[in-house]
Amino acid sequence: MEIAEEIRKIAVSKLLNPHHFVVDVVVSARKGPKKVLITLDGDEGVNIDDCANLSREIGKALEESNLMDEAYMLEVSTPGVDQPLQLHRQYKKHIGRKLKLKLRDKIVEGKLTEVADDKIAVIQETGTGKQKETVVVDIPFSEIEKTFVLVSFK
């Protein structure tokens, strides 16, 4: 089994809060000490203490398991605003926020209103001025290539 998958299992087993979840585990193949990056998210958010606690728990588990046979750097972080949503669970926490979706054949922007098992619904504005209309668009997950949360500074 791949080392990143083994580390993911360890990370999931060490989560202290049931509202937290592991989004991604990346083990770099760079020269020098390898970098292990674990991306952590939560239904109600994640703070720096959550990341630090998980990092300590994973570090202990990696040392005890001897899974990493050479020097490594361990980093536990949250997904940044430049990171696309990867898990179904991440969509649910962003209901009410504006998204930019790259679909197979077009790009769609709209406010996320609903998340189902196989699709999402977004409210999309079309037209301008008096011609402005809002329509609800259902988008199957199978059509989505990437989704970004748009940050508003209003």
Protein backbone atom coordinates (compact mmCIF):
# COMPACT_ATOMS: atom_id res chain seq x y z
CA MET A 1 0.00 0.00 0.00
CA GLU A 2 1.16 3.52 -0.77
CA ILE A 3 2.75 5.44 2.11
CA ALA A 4 0.35 8.41 1.75
CA GLU A 5 -2.61 6.05 2.21
CA GLU A 6 -1.01 4.54 5.33
CA ILE A 7 -0.46 8.03 6.75
CA ARG A 8 -4.09 8.92 5.91
CA LYS A 9 -5.26 5.92 7.95
CA ILE A 10 -3.11 7.03 10.88
CA ALA A 11 -4.40 10.61 10.61
CA VAL A 12 -8.04 9.50 10.53
CA SER A 13 -7.49 7.26 13.56
CA LYS A 14 -5.91 10.17 15.49
CA LEU A 15 -8.65 12.75 14.87
CA LEU A 16 -9.76 14.08 18.24
CA ASN A 17 -12.94 15.80 17.02
CA PRO A 18 -15.66 13.90 15.09
CA HIS A 19 -16.42 17.06 13.10
CA HIS A 20 -12.90 17.07 11.60
CA PHE A 21 -11.88 15.14 8.51
CA VAL A 22 -8.77 14.57 6.42
CA VAL A 23 -9.02 16.13 2.97
CA ASP A 24 -5.68 15.08 1.54
CA VAL A 25 -2.29 13.56 2.36
CA VAL A 26 0.69 14.33 0.13
CA VAL A 27 4.17 12.89 0.57
CA SER A 28 6.63 14.83 -1.56
CA ALA A 29 9.40 13.10 -3.45
CA ARG A 30 11.76 16.03 -3.18
CA LYS A 31 15.49 15.85 -2.54
CA GLY A 32 16.44 15.94 1.12
CA PRO A 33 13.92 15.27 3.88
CA LYS A 34 10.52 14.28 2.53
CA LYS A 35 7.59 16.54 3.31
CA VAL A 36 4.36 15.03 4.61
CA LEU A 37 1.48 17.47 4.17
CA ILE A 38 -1.86 16.59 5.74
CA THR A 39 -4.80 18.84 4.91
CA LEU A 40 -7.41 18.95 7.66
CA ASP A 41 -10.89 20.45 7.47
CA GLY A 42 -13.95 20.46 9.67
CA ASP A 43 -17.71 20.81 9.45
CA GLU A 44 -17.45 23.71 11.91
CA GLY A 45 -13.97 24.87 10.94
CA VAL A 46 -10.49 24.04 12.20
CA ASN A 47 -8.16 26.21 14.25
CA ILE A 48 -4.41 26.21 14.72
CA ASP A 49 -4.62 24.24 17.97
CA ASP A 50 -6.51 21.46 16.14
CA CYS A 51 -3.73 21.29 13.56
CA ALA A 52 -1.00 21.30 16.22
CA ASN A 53 -2.69 18.57 18.27
CA LEU A 54 -3.15 16.34 15.24
CA SER A 55 0.44 16.97 14.16
CA ARG A 56 1.73 15.81 17.56
CA GLU A 57 -0.45 12.69 17.49
CA ILE A 58 0.57 11.76 13.94
CA GLY A 59 4.23 12.45 14.68
CA LYS A 60 4.15 10.04 17.62
CA ALA A 61 2.35 7.40 15.58
CA LEU A 62 4.80 7.70 12.69
CA GLU A 63 7.76 7.31 15.04
CA GLU A 64 6.22 4.26 16.71
CA SER A 65 5.29 2.60 13.42
CA ASN A 66 8.64 3.26 11.69
CA LEU A 67 6.60 3.97 8.55
CA MET A 68 8.99 6.72 7.48
CA ASP A 69 12.45 5.19 7.15
CA GLU A 70 14.21 8.50 6.53
CA ALA A 71 14.04 12.10 7.75
CA TYR A 72 10.80 13.96 7.03
CA MET A 73 8.99 17.20 7.77
CA LEU A 74 5.38 16.91 8.94
CA GLU A 75 2.89 19.70 8.28
CA VAL A 76 -0.80 19.71 9.19
CA SER A 77 -2.72 22.55 7.60
CA THR A 78 -6.19 23.63 6.52
CA PRO A 79 -7.15 24.08 2.86
CA GLY A 80 -6.48 27.62 1.71
CA VAL A 81 -8.90 29.69 -0.33
CA ASP A 82 -6.88 28.81 -3.42
CA GLN A 83 -7.49 25.09 -2.90
CA PRO A 84 -10.41 23.47 -4.73
CA LEU A 85 -13.06 21.57 -2.80
CA GLN A 86 -12.24 17.86 -2.95
CA LEU A 87 -14.78 16.08 -0.77
CA HIS A 88 -18.57 15.95 -0.76
CA ARG A 89 -18.42 16.89 2.92
CA GLN A 90 -16.66 20.16 2.08
CA TYR A 91 -19.53 21.26 -0.15
CA LYS A 92 -22.03 20.96 2.71
CA LYS A 93 -20.12 23.38 4.91
CA HIS A 94 -20.16 25.99 2.14
CA ILE A 95 -23.93 26.15 1.59
CA GLY A 96 -24.84 29.82 1.23
CA ARG A 97 -21.46 30.83 -0.22
CA LYS A 98 -20.63 31.75 -3.79
CA LEU A 99 -18.71 29.17 -5.81
CA LYS A 100 -16.84 29.10 -9.09
CA LEU A 101 -17.22 25.71 -10.76
CA LYS A 102 -15.13 24.49 -13.67
CA LEU A 103 -17.28 22.00 -15.50
CA ARG A 104 -16.29 19.84 -18.44
CA ASP A 105 -17.58 22.35 -20.98
CA LYS A 106 -18.00 25.69 -19.17
CA ILE A 107 -17.45 27.73 -16.03
CA VAL A 108 -20.36 28.49 -13.70
CA GLU A 109 -20.55 30.91 -10.79
CA GLY A 110 -23.36 30.90 -8.31
CA LYS A 111 -24.48 30.66 -4.70
CA LEU A 112 -24.56 27.11 -3.36
CA THR A 113 -28.03 26.32 -2.04
CA GLU A 114 -28.20 22.54 -1.79
CA VAL A 115 -25.96 19.47 -1.70
CA ALA A 116 -27.36 16.03 -2.54
CA ASP A 117 -25.56 12.70 -2.89
CA ASP A 118 -25.09 13.08 -6.64
CA LYS A 119 -25.46 16.81 -7.37
CA ILE A 120 -25.43 20.35 -6.07
CA ALA A 121 -27.77 23.26 -6.71
CA VAL A 122 -26.56 26.82 -7.25
CA ILE A 123 -28.43 30.05 -7.80
CA GLN A 124 -27.03 31.74 -10.86
CA GLU A 125 -27.73 35.35 -11.86
CA THR A 126 -28.17 36.12 -15.55
CA GLY A 127 -28.66 39.44 -17.30
CA THR A 128 -28.24 42.96 -15.93
CA GLY A 129 -30.47 45.74 -14.66
CA LYS A 130 -34.17 45.12 -15.25
CA GLN A 131 -33.28 42.03 -17.27
CA LYS A 132 -31.58 40.43 -14.27
CA GLU A 133 -32.94 37.00 -13.40
CA THR A 134 -31.96 34.29 -10.98
CA VAL A 135 -32.20 30.64 -11.89
CA VAL A 136 -31.46 27.51 -9.89
CA VAL A 137 -29.07 25.21 -11.71
CA ASP A 138 -28.57 21.56 -10.73
CA ILE A 139 -25.03 20.36 -11.38
CA PRO A 140 -24.15 16.66 -11.12
CA PHE A 141 -20.87 15.93 -9.31
CA SER A 142 -19.84 13.90 -12.37
CA GLU A 143 -19.73 17.16 -14.42
CA ILE A 144 -17.56 19.08 -11.92
CA GLU A 145 -13.82 19.19 -12.56
CA LYS A 146 -12.92 21.80 -9.91
CA THR A 147 -14.78 23.98 -7.43
CA PHE A 148 -13.44 27.06 -5.69
CA VAL A 149 -15.12 29.07 -2.93
CA LEU A 150 -15.18 32.75 -3.89
CA VAL A 151 -14.18 35.08 -1.09
CA SER A 152 -16.19 38.28 -0.73
CA PHE A 153 -14.77 41.30 1.05
CA LYS A 154 -18.09 43.19 1.25
